[in-house]
Amino acid sequence: MHARGFRYRLHHKNLPGSPDLVFRRFQTAVFVHGCFWHRHENCKHAAIPKTRPDFWQAKFQANVVRDVRAQKALIDMGWFVVVVWECALRADAARVADRLASWMTSDRETRLIEFE
């Protein structure tokens, strides 16, 4: 994103959920979610471990609830929220960056968007 001319802060602690990237000029918070920890639906990287499945299920559910709460808080504050999934970055990081840059500079209507 920096090479595309966008300036941002990393892990902004004063915003709900400490977004991974914060683009103040565009009032946009970006979360880069690991598919395993944040439970990307229908993703091969989001398998549940076979040992202690009850523990893992509770852990994953708490992560998802925390994610939704942070996203809602940011939206209520007037921010746009983007979730970028790990598998999308692995597949083609440049494409994700191009899509994000294009979306941020467009006439946005949706407050929450996911890049899969």
PDB file of N, CA and C in Angstrom:
ATOM      1  N   MET A   1       0.835  -1.190   0.000  1.00  0.00           N
ATOM      2  CA  MET A   1       0.000   0.000   0.000  1.00  0.00           C
ATOM      3  C   MET A   1       0.878   1.250   0.000  1.00  0.00           C
ATOM      4  N   HIS A   2       1.982   1.188   0.718  1.00  0.00           N
ATOM      5  CA  HIS A   2       2.881   2.345   0.765  1.00  0.00           C
ATOM      6  C   HIS A   2       3.423   2.640  -0.632  1.00  0.00           C
ATOM      7  N   ALA A   3       3.776   1.608  -1.390  1.00  0.00           N
ATOM      8  CA  ALA A   3       4.288   1.789  -2.751  1.00  0.00           C
ATOM      9  C   ALA A   3       3.221   2.372  -3.680  1.00  0.00           C
ATOM     10  N   ARG A   4       1.965   2.223  -3.318  1.00  0.00           N
ATOM     11  CA  ARG A   4       0.861   2.770  -4.116  1.00  0.00           C
ATOM     12  C   ARG A   4       0.499   4.190  -3.690  1.00  0.00           C
ATOM     13  N   GLY A   5       1.267   4.748  -2.751  1.00  0.00           N
ATOM     14  CA  GLY A   5       1.065   6.132  -2.337  1.00  0.00           C
ATOM     15  C   GLY A   5       0.184   6.320  -1.117  1.00  0.00           C
ATOM     16  N   PHE A   6      -0.179   5.231  -0.458  1.00  0.00           N
ATOM     17  CA  PHE A   6      -1.049   5.311   0.716  1.00  0.00           C
ATOM     18  C   PHE A   6      -0.210   5.306   1.989  1.00  0.00           C
ATOM     19  N   ARG A   7      -0.539   6.201   2.893  1.00  0.00           N
ATOM     20  CA  ARG A   7       0.153   6.263   4.175  1.00  0.00           C
ATOM     21  C   ARG A   7      -0.777   5.725   5.253  1.00  0.00           C
ATOM     22  N   TYR A   8      -0.202   4.986   6.182  1.00  0.00           N
ATOM     23  CA  TYR A   8      -1.003   4.313   7.198  1.00  0.00           C
ATOM     24  C   TYR A   8      -0.200   4.137   8.473  1.00  0.00           C
ATOM     25  N   ARG A   9      -0.912   3.796   9.538  1.00  0.00           N
ATOM     26  CA  ARG A   9      -0.295   3.436  10.814  1.00  0.00           C
ATOM     27  C   ARG A   9      -0.567   1.961  11.066  1.00  0.00           C
ATOM     28  N   LEU A  10       0.371   1.327  11.721  1.00  0.00           N
ATOM     29  CA  LEU A  10       0.223  -0.086  12.058  1.00  0.00           C
ATOM     30  C   LEU A  10      -0.297  -0.249  13.485  1.00  0.00           C
ATOM     31  N   HIS A  11      -1.192  -1.197  13.676  1.00  0.00           N
ATOM     32  CA  HIS A  11      -1.673  -1.617  15.000  1.00  0.00           C
ATOM     33  C   HIS A  11      -2.035  -0.436  15.902  1.00  0.00           C
ATOM     34  N   HIS A  12      -2.967   0.353  15.457  1.00  0.00           N
ATOM     35  CA  HIS A  12      -3.394   1.552  16.179  1.00  0.00           C
ATOM     36  C   HIS A  12      -4.086   1.140  17.472  1.00  0.00           C
ATOM     37  N   LYS A  13      -3.422   1.318  18.597  1.00  0.00           N
ATOM     38  CA  LYS A  13      -3.925   0.850  19.896  1.00  0.00           C
ATOM     39  C   LYS A  13      -5.107   1.648  20.423  1.00  0.00           C
ATOM     40  N   ASN A  14      -5.322   2.851  19.910  1.00  0.00           N
ATOM     41  CA  ASN A  14      -6.417   3.688  20.416  1.00  0.00           C
ATOM     42  C   ASN A  14      -7.744   3.421  19.722  1.00  0.00           C
ATOM     43  N   LEU A  15      -7.764   2.523  18.774  1.00  0.00           N
ATOM     44  CA  LEU A  15      -9.008   2.170  18.094  1.00  0.00           C
ATOM     45  C   LEU A  15      -9.444   0.773  18.521  1.00  0.00           C
ATOM     46  N   PRO A  16     -10.745   0.519  18.559  1.00  0.00           N
ATOM     47  CA  PRO A  16     -11.234  -0.801  18.957  1.00  0.00           C
ATOM     48  C   PRO A  16     -10.628  -1.910  18.097  1.00  0.00           C
ATOM     49  N   GLY A  17     -10.131  -2.946  18.740  1.00  0.00           N
ATOM     50  CA  GLY A  17      -9.578  -4.089  18.032  1.00  0.00           C
ATOM     51  C   GLY A  17      -8.151  -3.896  17.549  1.00  0.00           C
ATOM     52  N   SER A  18      -7.551  -2.739  17.755  1.00  0.00           N
ATOM     53  CA  SER A  18      -6.198  -2.429  17.268  1.00  0.00           C
ATOM     54  C   SER A  18      -6.016  -2.869  15.817  1.00  0.00           C
ATOM     55  N   PRO A  19      -6.670  -2.197  14.879  1.00  0.00           N
ATOM     56  CA  PRO A  19      -6.586  -2.610  13.469  1.00  0.00           C
ATOM     57  C   PRO A  19      -5.137  -2.730  13.003  1.00  0.00           C
ATOM     58  N   ASP A  20      -4.903  -3.663  12.088  1.00  0.00           N
ATOM     59  CA  ASP A  20      -3.551  -3.902  11.579  1.00  0.00           C
ATOM     60  C   ASP A  20      -3.041  -2.718  10.768  1.00  0.00           C
ATOM     61  N   LEU A  21      -3.890  -2.131   9.964  1.00  0.00           N
ATOM     62  CA  LEU A  21      -3.550  -0.940   9.179  1.00  0.00           C
ATOM     63  C   LEU A  21      -4.645   0.099   9.379  1.00  0.00           C
ATOM     64  N   VAL A  22      -4.245   1.343   9.571  1.00  0.00           N
ATOM     65  CA  VAL A  22      -5.217   2.433   9.716  1.00  0.00           C
ATOM     66  C   VAL A  22      -4.866   3.529   8.719  1.00  0.00           C
ATOM     67  N   PHE A  23      -5.806   3.798   7.841  1.00  0.00           N
ATOM     68  CA  PHE A  23      -5.672   4.861   6.850  1.00  0.00           C
ATOM     69  C   PHE A  23      -6.555   6.021   7.305  1.00  0.00           C
ATOM     70  N   ARG A  24      -6.003   6.922   8.095  1.00  0.00           N
ATOM     71  CA  ARG A  24      -6.792   8.028   8.667  1.00  0.00           C
ATOM     72  C   ARG A  24      -7.436   8.889   7.587  1.00  0.00           C
ATOM     73  N   ARG A  25      -6.680   9.198   6.548  1.00  0.00           N
ATOM     74  CA  ARG A  25      -7.198  10.064   5.488  1.00  0.00           C
ATOM     75  C   ARG A  25      -8.476   9.501   4.872  1.00  0.00           C
ATOM     76  N   PHE A  26      -8.571   8.177   4.826  1.00  0.00           N
ATOM     77  CA  PHE A  26      -9.730   7.521   4.225  1.00  0.00           C
ATOM     78  C   PHE A  26     -10.681   6.961   5.280  1.00  0.00           C
ATOM     79  N   GLN A  27     -10.381   7.257   6.567  1.00  0.00           N
ATOM     80  CA  GLN A  27     -11.215   6.787   7.681  1.00  0.00           C
ATOM     81  C   GLN A  27     -11.464   5.281   7.562  1.00  0.00           C
ATOM     82  N   THR A  28     -10.388   4.537   7.258  1.00  0.00           N
ATOM     83  CA  THR A  28     -10.485   3.100   7.005  1.00  0.00           C
ATOM     84  C   THR A  28      -9.561   2.318   7.933  1.00  0.00           C
ATOM     85  N   ALA A  29     -10.130   1.295   8.562  1.00  0.00           N
ATOM     86  CA  ALA A  29      -9.377   0.381   9.414  1.00  0.00           C
ATOM     87  C   ALA A  29      -9.349  -0.983   8.736  1.00  0.00           C
ATOM     88  N   VAL A  30      -8.167  -1.568   8.633  1.00  0.00           N
ATOM     89  CA  VAL A  30      -8.004  -2.858   7.962  1.00  0.00           C
ATOM     90  C   VAL A  30      -7.529  -3.895   8.980  1.00  0.00           C
ATOM     91  N   PHE A  31      -8.246  -5.004   9.012  1.00  0.00           N
ATOM     92  CA  PHE A  31      -7.847  -6.144   9.818  1.00  0.00           C
ATOM     93  C   PHE A  31      -7.373  -7.250   8.877  1.00  0.00           C
ATOM     94  N   VAL A  32      -6.186  -7.764   9.110  1.00  0.00           N
ATOM     95  CA  VAL A  32      -5.695  -8.909   8.356  1.00  0.00           C
ATOM     96  C   VAL A  32      -5.901 -10.127   9.258  1.00  0.00           C
ATOM     97  N   HIS A  33      -6.864 -10.953   8.875  1.00  0.00           N
ATOM     98  CA  HIS A  33      -7.249 -12.090   9.713  1.00  0.00           C
ATOM     99  C   HIS A  33      -6.620 -13.384   9.218  1.00  0.00           C
ATOM    100  N   GLY A  34      -6.028 -14.109  10.155  1.00  0.00           N
ATOM    101  CA  GLY A  34      -5.568 -15.459   9.850  1.00  0.00           C
ATOM    102  C   GLY A  34      -6.778 -16.365   9.759  1.00  0.00           C
ATOM    103  N   CYS A  35      -6.833 -17.170   8.736  1.00  0.00           N
ATOM    104  CA  CYS A  35      -8.001 -18.032   8.499  1.00  0.00           C
ATOM    105  C   CYS A  35      -8.235 -19.000   9.657  1.00  0.00           C
ATOM    106  N   PHE A  36      -7.160 -19.523  10.246  1.00  0.00           N
ATOM    107  CA  PHE A  36      -7.277 -20.475  11.338  1.00  0.00           C
ATOM    108  C   PHE A  36      -7.847 -19.817  12.591  1.00  0.00           C
ATOM    109  N   TRP A  37      -7.266 -18.716  13.021  1.00  0.00           N
ATOM    110  CA  TRP A  37      -7.644 -18.093  14.291  1.00  0.00           C
ATOM    111  C   TRP A  37      -8.963 -17.347  14.227  1.00  0.00           C
ATOM    112  N   HIS A  38      -9.323 -16.823  13.075  1.00  0.00           N
ATOM    113  CA  HIS A  38     -10.532 -15.998  12.970  1.00  0.00           C
ATOM    114  C   HIS A  38     -11.655 -16.706  12.219  1.00  0.00           C
ATOM    115  N   ARG A  39     -11.458 -17.983  11.912  1.00  0.00           N
ATOM    116  CA  ARG A  39     -12.497 -18.878  11.398  1.00  0.00           C
ATOM    117  C   ARG A  39     -13.076 -18.445  10.055  1.00  0.00           C
ATOM    118  N   HIS A  40     -12.236 -18.368   9.063  1.00  0.00           N
ATOM    119  CA  HIS A  40     -12.688 -18.058   7.713  1.00  0.00           C
ATOM    120  C   HIS A  40     -13.522 -19.231   7.204  1.00  0.00           C
ATOM    121  N   GLU A  41     -14.796 -18.952   6.944  1.00  0.00           N
ATOM    122  CA  GLU A  41     -15.726 -20.007   6.540  1.00  0.00           C
ATOM    123  C   GLU A  41     -15.322 -20.620   5.208  1.00  0.00           C
ATOM    124  N   ASN A  42     -15.469 -21.941   5.139  1.00  0.00           N
ATOM    125  CA  ASN A  42     -15.181 -22.709   3.925  1.00  0.00           C
ATOM    126  C   ASN A  42     -13.740 -22.571   3.445  1.00  0.00           C
ATOM    127  N   CYS A  43     -12.826 -22.342   4.358  1.00  0.00           N
ATOM    128  CA  CYS A  43     -11.410 -22.210   4.010  1.00  0.00           C
ATOM    129  C   CYS A  43     -10.658 -23.435   4.531  1.00  0.00           C
ATOM    130  N   LYS A  44      -9.771 -23.964   3.710  1.00  0.00           N
ATOM    131  CA  LYS A  44      -9.027 -25.161   4.116  1.00  0.00           C
ATOM    132  C   LYS A  44      -8.088 -24.895   5.286  1.00  0.00           C
ATOM    133  N   HIS A  45      -7.746 -23.637   5.511  1.00  0.00           N
ATOM    134  CA  HIS A  45      -6.849 -23.287   6.608  1.00  0.00           C
ATOM    135  C   HIS A  45      -7.572 -23.133   7.951  1.00  0.00           C
ATOM    136  N   ALA A  46      -8.884 -23.317   7.967  1.00  0.00           N
ATOM    137  CA  ALA A  46      -9.675 -23.095   9.184  1.00  0.00           C
ATOM    138  C   ALA A  46     -10.139 -24.397   9.823  1.00  0.00           C
ATOM    139  N   ALA A  47      -9.350 -25.444   9.701  1.00  0.00           N
ATOM    140  CA  ALA A  47      -9.715 -26.733  10.294  1.00  0.00           C
ATOM    141  C   ALA A  47      -9.608 -26.665  11.818  1.00  0.00           C
ATOM    142  N   ILE A  48     -10.436 -27.437  12.482  1.00  0.00           N
ATOM    143  CA  ILE A  48     -10.411 -27.505  13.944  1.00  0.00           C
ATOM    144  C   ILE A  48      -9.456 -28.638  14.356  1.00  0.00           C
ATOM    145  N   PRO A  49      -8.534 -28.372  15.266  1.00  0.00           N
ATOM    146  CA  PRO A  49      -7.625 -29.427  15.721  1.00  0.00           C
ATOM    147  C   PRO A  49      -8.394 -30.602  16.330  1.00  0.00           C
ATOM    148  N   LYS A  50      -7.861 -31.782  16.158  1.00  0.00           N
ATOM    149  CA  LYS A  50      -8.533 -32.987  16.652  1.00  0.00           C
ATOM    150  C   LYS A  50      -8.376 -33.165  18.162  1.00  0.00           C
ATOM    151  N   THR A  51      -7.312 -32.614  18.737  1.00  0.00           N
ATOM    152  CA  THR A  51      -7.136 -32.711  20.185  1.00  0.00           C
ATOM    153  C   THR A  51      -7.844 -31.549  20.871  1.00  0.00           C
ATOM    154  N   ARG A  52      -8.512 -31.835  21.952  1.00  0.00           N
ATOM    155  CA  ARG A  52      -9.230 -30.837  22.754  1.00  0.00           C
ATOM    156  C   ARG A  52     -10.175 -29.956  21.922  1.00  0.00           C
ATOM    157  N   PRO A  53     -11.068 -30.551  21.163  1.00  0.00           N
ATOM    158  CA  PRO A  53     -11.954 -29.763  20.290  1.00  0.00           C
ATOM    159  C   PRO A  53     -12.853 -28.782  21.040  1.00  0.00           C
ATOM    160  N   ASP A  54     -13.267 -29.123  22.262  1.00  0.00           N
ATOM    161  CA  ASP A  54     -14.109 -28.204  23.033  1.00  0.00           C
ATOM    162  C   ASP A  54     -13.349 -26.925  23.381  1.00  0.00           C
ATOM    163  N   PHE A  55     -12.099 -27.086  23.795  1.00  0.00           N
ATOM    164  CA  PHE A  55     -11.255 -25.925  24.094  1.00  0.00           C
ATOM    165  C   PHE A  55     -11.123 -25.032  22.860  1.00  0.00           C
ATOM    166  N   TRP A  56     -10.789 -25.647  21.728  1.00  0.00           N
ATOM    167  CA  TRP A  56     -10.564 -24.867  20.508  1.00  0.00           C
ATOM    168  C   TRP A  56     -11.845 -24.184  20.034  1.00  0.00           C
ATOM    169  N   GLN A  57     -12.948 -24.877  20.141  1.00  0.00           N
ATOM    170  CA  GLN A  57     -14.226 -24.296  19.706  1.00  0.00           C
ATOM    171  C   GLN A  57     -14.538 -23.044  20.522  1.00  0.00           C
ATOM    172  N   ALA A  58     -14.337 -23.108  21.830  1.00  0.00           N
ATOM    173  CA  ALA A  58     -14.585 -21.946  22.696  1.00  0.00           C
ATOM    174  C   ALA A  58     -13.609 -20.817  22.373  1.00  0.00           C
ATOM    175  N   LYS A  59     -12.361 -21.159  22.152  1.00  0.00           N
ATOM    176  CA  LYS A  59     -11.339 -20.165  21.808  1.00  0.00           C
ATOM    177  C   LYS A  59     -11.692 -19.449  20.508  1.00  0.00           C
ATOM    178  N   PHE A  60     -12.033 -20.229  19.497  1.00  0.00           N
ATOM    179  CA  PHE A  60     -12.371 -19.641  18.195  1.00  0.00           C
ATOM    180  C   PHE A  60     -13.627 -18.778  18.281  1.00  0.00           C
ATOM    181  N   GLN A  61     -14.627 -19.239  19.026  1.00  0.00           N
ATOM    182  CA  GLN A  61     -15.869 -18.480  19.169  1.00  0.00           C
ATOM    183  C   GLN A  61     -15.601 -17.140  19.845  1.00  0.00           C
ATOM    184  N   ALA A  62     -14.738 -17.139  20.857  1.00  0.00           N
ATOM    185  CA  ALA A  62     -14.392 -15.880  21.534  1.00  0.00           C
ATOM    186  C   ALA A  62     -13.685 -14.927  20.565  1.00  0.00           C
ATOM    187  N   ASN A  63     -12.828 -15.451  19.714  1.00  0.00           N
ATOM    188  CA  ASN A  63     -12.148 -14.619  18.722  1.00  0.00           C
ATOM    189  C   ASN A  63     -13.144 -13.977  17.764  1.00  0.00           C
ATOM    190  N   VAL A  64     -14.089 -14.764  17.278  1.00  0.00           N
ATOM    191  CA  VAL A  64     -15.083 -14.260  16.329  1.00  0.00           C
ATOM    192  C   VAL A  64     -15.961 -13.192  16.980  1.00  0.00           C
ATOM    193  N   VAL A  65     -16.385 -13.429  18.214  1.00  0.00           N
ATOM    194  CA  VAL A  65     -17.212 -12.454  18.938  1.00  0.00           C
ATOM    195  C   VAL A  65     -16.439 -11.152  19.131  1.00  0.00           C
ATOM    196  N   ARG A  66     -15.172 -11.252  19.512  1.00  0.00           N
ATOM    197  CA  ARG A  66     -14.330 -10.065  19.696  1.00  0.00           C
ATOM    198  C   ARG A  66     -14.157  -9.308  18.374  1.00  0.00           C
ATOM    199  N   ASP A  67     -13.976 -10.031  17.284  1.00  0.00           N
ATOM    200  CA  ASP A  67     -13.838  -9.401  15.965  1.00  0.00           C
ATOM    201  C   ASP A  67     -15.089  -8.597  15.603  1.00  0.00           C
ATOM    202  N   VAL A  68     -16.245  -9.208  15.780  1.00  0.00           N
ATOM    203  CA  VAL A  68     -17.511  -8.548  15.436  1.00  0.00           C
ATOM    204  C   VAL A  68     -17.723  -7.306  16.303  1.00  0.00           C
ATOM    205  N   ARG A  69     -17.404  -7.425  17.582  1.00  0.00           N
ATOM    206  CA  ARG A  69     -17.560  -6.288  18.502  1.00  0.00           C
ATOM    207  C   ARG A  69     -16.666  -5.121  18.076  1.00  0.00           C
ATOM    208  N   ALA A  70     -15.415  -5.400  17.729  1.00  0.00           N
ATOM    209  CA  ALA A  70     -14.487  -4.343  17.302  1.00  0.00           C
ATOM    210  C   ALA A  70     -14.950  -3.706  16.000  1.00  0.00           C
ATOM    211  N   GLN A  71     -15.400  -4.520  15.055  1.00  0.00           N
ATOM    212  CA  GLN A  71     -15.885  -3.990  13.780  1.00  0.00           C
ATOM    213  C   GLN A  71     -17.092  -3.085  13.988  1.00  0.00           C
ATOM    214  N   LYS A  72     -18.034  -3.530  14.811  1.00  0.00           N
ATOM    215  CA  LYS A  72     -19.227  -2.722  15.077  1.00  0.00           C
ATOM    216  C   LYS A  72     -18.858  -1.403  15.746  1.00  0.00           C
ATOM    217  N   ALA A  73     -17.936  -1.443  16.706  1.00  0.00           N
ATOM    218  CA  ALA A  73     -17.519  -0.223  17.400  1.00  0.00           C
ATOM    219  C   ALA A  73     -16.890   0.768  16.421  1.00  0.00           C
ATOM    220  N   LEU A  74     -16.062   0.284  15.530  1.00  0.00           N
ATOM    221  CA  LEU A  74     -15.440   1.166  14.531  1.00  0.00           C
ATOM    222  C   LEU A  74     -16.483   1.768  13.593  1.00  0.00           C
ATOM    223  N   ILE A  75     -17.410   0.942  13.147  1.00  0.00           N
ATOM    224  CA  ILE A  75     -18.466   1.441  12.255  1.00  0.00           C
ATOM    225  C   ILE A  75     -19.309   2.492  12.976  1.00  0.00           C
ATOM    226  N   ASP A  76     -19.621   2.258  14.243  1.00  0.00           N
ATOM    227  CA  ASP A  76     -20.389   3.229  15.027  1.00  0.00           C
ATOM    228  C   ASP A  76     -19.634   4.550  15.187  1.00  0.00           C
ATOM    229  N   MET A  77     -18.300   4.487  15.120  1.00  0.00           N
ATOM    230  CA  MET A  77     -17.467   5.693  15.212  1.00  0.00           C
ATOM    231  C   MET A  77     -17.315   6.384  13.851  1.00  0.00           C
ATOM    232  N   GLY A  78     -17.918   5.795  12.810  1.00  0.00           N
ATOM    233  CA  GLY A  78     -17.855   6.404  11.482  1.00  0.00           C
ATOM    234  C   GLY A  78     -16.739   5.889  10.590  1.00  0.00           C
ATOM    235  N   TRP A  79     -16.075   4.832  10.988  1.00  0.00           N
ATOM    236  CA  TRP A  79     -14.988   4.260  10.206  1.00  0.00           C
ATOM    237  C   TRP A  79     -15.514   3.248   9.194  1.00  0.00           C
ATOM    238  N   PHE A  80     -14.749   3.086   8.113  1.00  0.00           N
ATOM    239  CA  PHE A  80     -14.952   1.991   7.182  1.00  0.00           C
ATOM    240  C   PHE A  80     -14.053   0.854   7.659  1.00  0.00           C
ATOM    241  N   VAL A  81     -14.533  -0.375   7.563  1.00  0.00           N
ATOM    242  CA  VAL A  81     -13.779  -1.524   8.064  1.00  0.00           C
ATOM    243  C   VAL A  81     -13.575  -2.518   6.927  1.00  0.00           C
ATOM    244  N   VAL A  82     -12.339  -2.970   6.795  1.00  0.00           N
ATOM    245  CA  VAL A  82     -11.984  -3.960   5.784  1.00  0.00           C
ATOM    246  C   VAL A  82     -11.366  -5.157   6.493  1.00  0.00           C
ATOM    247  N   VAL A  83     -11.833  -6.352   6.125  1.00  0.00           N
ATOM    248  CA  VAL A  83     -11.232  -7.590   6.612  1.00  0.00           C
ATOM    249  C   VAL A  83     -10.557  -8.242   5.416  1.00  0.00           C
ATOM    250  N   VAL A  84      -9.249  -8.441   5.536  1.00  0.00           N
ATOM    251  CA  VAL A  84      -8.481  -9.128   4.502  1.00  0.00           C
ATOM    252  C   VAL A  84      -8.107 -10.486   5.068  1.00  0.00           C
ATOM    253  N   TRP A  85      -8.486 -11.540   4.359  1.00  0.00           N
ATOM    254  CA  TRP A  85      -8.203 -12.895   4.830  1.00  0.00           C
ATOM    255  C   TRP A  85      -6.830 -13.350   4.374  1.00  0.00           C
ATOM    256  N   GLU A  86      -6.176 -14.084   5.259  1.00  0.00           N
ATOM    257  CA  GLU A  86      -4.826 -14.596   5.020  1.00  0.00           C
ATOM    258  C   GLU A  86      -4.721 -15.347   3.690  1.00  0.00           C
ATOM    259  N   CYS A  87      -5.701 -16.161   3.367  1.00  0.00           N
ATOM    260  CA  CYS A  87      -5.629 -16.958   2.134  1.00  0.00           C
ATOM    261  C   CYS A  87      -5.644 -16.074   0.893  1.00  0.00           C
ATOM    262  N   ALA A  88      -6.314 -14.935   0.957  1.00  0.00           N
ATOM    263  CA  ALA A  88      -6.326 -14.006  -0.175  1.00  0.00           C
ATOM    264  C   ALA A  88      -4.941 -13.390  -0.365  1.00  0.00           C
ATOM    265  N   LEU A  89      -4.293 -13.058   0.735  1.00  0.00           N
ATOM    266  CA  LEU A  89      -2.936 -12.501   0.649  1.00  0.00           C
ATOM    267  C   LEU A  89      -1.951 -13.534   0.136  1.00  0.00           C
ATOM    268  N   ARG A  90      -2.102 -14.766   0.588  1.00  0.00           N
ATOM    269  CA  ARG A  90      -1.213 -15.825   0.107  1.00  0.00           C
ATOM    270  C   ARG A  90      -1.377 -16.050  -1.388  1.00  0.00           C
ATOM    271  N   ALA A  91      -2.600 -15.985  -1.862  1.00  0.00           N
ATOM    272  CA  ALA A  91      -2.873 -16.243  -3.271  1.00  0.00           C
ATOM    273  C   ALA A  91      -2.316 -15.134  -4.163  1.00  0.00           C
ATOM    274  N   ASP A  92      -2.553 -13.868  -3.778  1.00  0.00           N
ATOM    275  CA  ASP A  92      -2.105 -12.756  -4.628  1.00  0.00           C
ATOM    276  C   ASP A  92      -2.174 -11.446  -3.838  1.00  0.00           C
ATOM    277  N   ALA A  93      -1.109 -11.135  -3.125  1.00  0.00           N
ATOM    278  CA  ALA A  93      -1.078  -9.938  -2.279  1.00  0.00           C
ATOM    279  C   ALA A  93      -1.202  -8.663  -3.102  1.00  0.00           C
ATOM    280  N   ALA A  94      -0.598  -8.622  -4.278  1.00  0.00           N
ATOM    281  CA  ALA A  94      -0.663  -7.426  -5.126  1.00  0.00           C
ATOM    282  C   ALA A  94      -2.104  -7.158  -5.563  1.00  0.00           C
ATOM    283  N   ARG A  95      -2.830  -8.213  -5.869  1.00  0.00           N
ATOM    284  CA  ARG A  95      -4.236  -8.054  -6.275  1.00  0.00           C
ATOM    285  C   ARG A  95      -5.075  -7.506  -5.123  1.00  0.00           C
ATOM    286  N   VAL A  96      -4.825  -8.001  -3.919  1.00  0.00           N
ATOM    287  CA  VAL A  96      -5.540  -7.506  -2.736  1.00  0.00           C
ATOM    288  C   VAL A  96      -5.231  -6.026  -2.531  1.00  0.00           C
ATOM    289  N   ALA A  97      -3.963  -5.644  -2.651  1.00  0.00           N
ATOM    290  CA  ALA A  97      -3.571  -4.240  -2.481  1.00  0.00           C
ATOM    291  C   ALA A  97      -4.229  -3.365  -3.548  1.00  0.00           C
ATOM    292  N   ASP A  98      -4.288  -3.847  -4.776  1.00  0.00           N
ATOM    293  CA  ASP A  98      -4.948  -3.082  -5.849  1.00  0.00           C
ATOM    294  C   ASP A  98      -6.435  -2.909  -5.563  1.00  0.00           C
ATOM    295  N   ARG A  99      -7.085  -3.988  -5.132  1.00  0.00           N
ATOM    296  CA  ARG A  99      -8.517  -3.912  -4.815  1.00  0.00           C
ATOM    297  C   ARG A  99      -8.776  -2.959  -3.655  1.00  0.00           C
ATOM    298  N   LEU A 100      -7.927  -3.024  -2.626  1.00  0.00           N
ATOM    299  CA  LEU A 100      -8.080  -2.148  -1.465  1.00  0.00           C
ATOM    300  C   LEU A 100      -7.892  -0.693  -1.865  1.00  0.00           C
ATOM    301  N   ALA A 101      -6.872  -0.407  -2.648  1.00  0.00           N
ATOM    302  CA  ALA A 101      -6.611   0.959  -3.105  1.00  0.00           C
ATOM    303  C   ALA A 101      -7.775   1.483  -3.932  1.00  0.00           C
ATOM    304  N   SER A 102      -8.268   0.659  -4.821  1.00  0.00           N
ATOM    305  CA  SER A 102      -9.400   1.060  -5.662  1.00  0.00           C
ATOM    306  C   SER A 102     -10.651   1.312  -4.823  1.00  0.00           C
ATOM    307  N   TRP A 103     -10.913   0.427  -3.862  1.00  0.00           N
ATOM    308  CA  TRP A 103     -12.099   0.576  -3.026  1.00  0.00           C
ATOM    309  C   TRP A 103     -12.019   1.826  -2.162  1.00  0.00           C
ATOM    310  N   MET A 104     -10.849   2.093  -1.592  1.00  0.00           N
ATOM    311  CA  MET A 104     -10.724   3.253  -0.693  1.00  0.00           C
ATOM    312  C   MET A 104     -10.905   4.563  -1.432  1.00  0.00           C
ATOM    313  N   THR A 105     -10.548   4.624  -2.694  1.00  0.00           N
ATOM    314  CA  THR A 105     -10.647   5.872  -3.442  1.00  0.00           C
ATOM    315  C   THR A 105     -11.961   5.987  -4.217  1.00  0.00           C
ATOM    316  N   SER A 106     -12.839   5.013  -4.065  1.00  0.00           N
ATOM    317  CA  SER A 106     -14.131   5.057  -4.757  1.00  0.00           C
ATOM    318  C   SER A 106     -15.194   5.692  -3.857  1.00  0.00           C
ATOM    319  N   ASP A 107     -16.377   5.846  -4.394  1.00  0.00           N
ATOM    320  CA  ASP A 107     -17.517   6.313  -3.607  1.00  0.00           C
ATOM    321  C   ASP A 107     -18.064   5.114  -2.831  1.00  0.00           C
ATOM    322  N   ARG A 108     -17.622   4.974  -1.608  1.00  0.00           N
ATOM    323  CA  ARG A 108     -17.983   3.811  -0.798  1.00  0.00           C
ATOM    324  C   ARG A 108     -19.332   4.015  -0.137  1.00  0.00           C
ATOM    325  N   GLU A 109     -20.115   2.966  -0.155  1.00  0.00           N
ATOM    326  CA  GLU A 109     -21.391   2.993   0.546  1.00  0.00           C
ATOM    327  C   GLU A 109     -21.393   2.007   1.702  1.00  0.00           C
ATOM    328  N   THR A 110     -20.716   0.900   1.522  1.00  0.00           N
ATOM    329  CA  THR A 110     -20.682  -0.154   2.521  1.00  0.00           C
ATOM    330  C   THR A 110     -19.623   0.155   3.568  1.00  0.00           C
ATOM    331  N   ARG A 111     -19.990   0.016   4.820  1.00  0.00           N
ATOM    332  CA  ARG A 111     -19.058   0.290   5.919  1.00  0.00           C
ATOM    333  C   ARG A 111     -18.141  -0.892   6.241  1.00  0.00           C
ATOM    334  N   LEU A 112     -18.549  -2.107   5.847  1.00  0.00           N
ATOM    335  CA  LEU A 112     -17.763  -3.293   6.139  1.00  0.00           C
ATOM    336  C   LEU A 112     -17.624  -4.116   4.864  1.00  0.00           C
ATOM    337  N   ILE A 113     -16.382  -4.464   4.521  1.00  0.00           N
ATOM    338  CA  ILE A 113     -16.130  -5.246   3.327  1.00  0.00           C
ATOM    339  C   ILE A 113     -15.046  -6.279   3.633  1.00  0.00           C
ATOM    340  N   GLU A 114     -15.146  -7.447   2.979  1.00  0.00           N
ATOM    341  CA  GLU A 114     -14.149  -8.498   3.157  1.00  0.00           C
ATOM    342  C   GLU A 114     -13.492  -8.793   1.822  1.00  0.00           C
ATOM    343  N   PHE A 115     -12.186  -8.982   1.860  1.00  0.00           N
ATOM    344  CA  PHE A 115     -11.438  -9.405   0.681  1.00  0.00           C
ATOM    345  C   PHE A 115     -11.019 -10.845   0.902  1.00  0.00           C
ATOM    346  N   GLU A 116     -11.608 -11.730   0.095  1.00  0.00           N
ATOM    347  CA  GLU A 116     -11.340 -13.158   0.232  1.00  0.00           C
ATOM    348  C   GLU A 116     -10.557 -13.653  -0.956  1.00  0.00           C
TER     349      GLU A 116
END
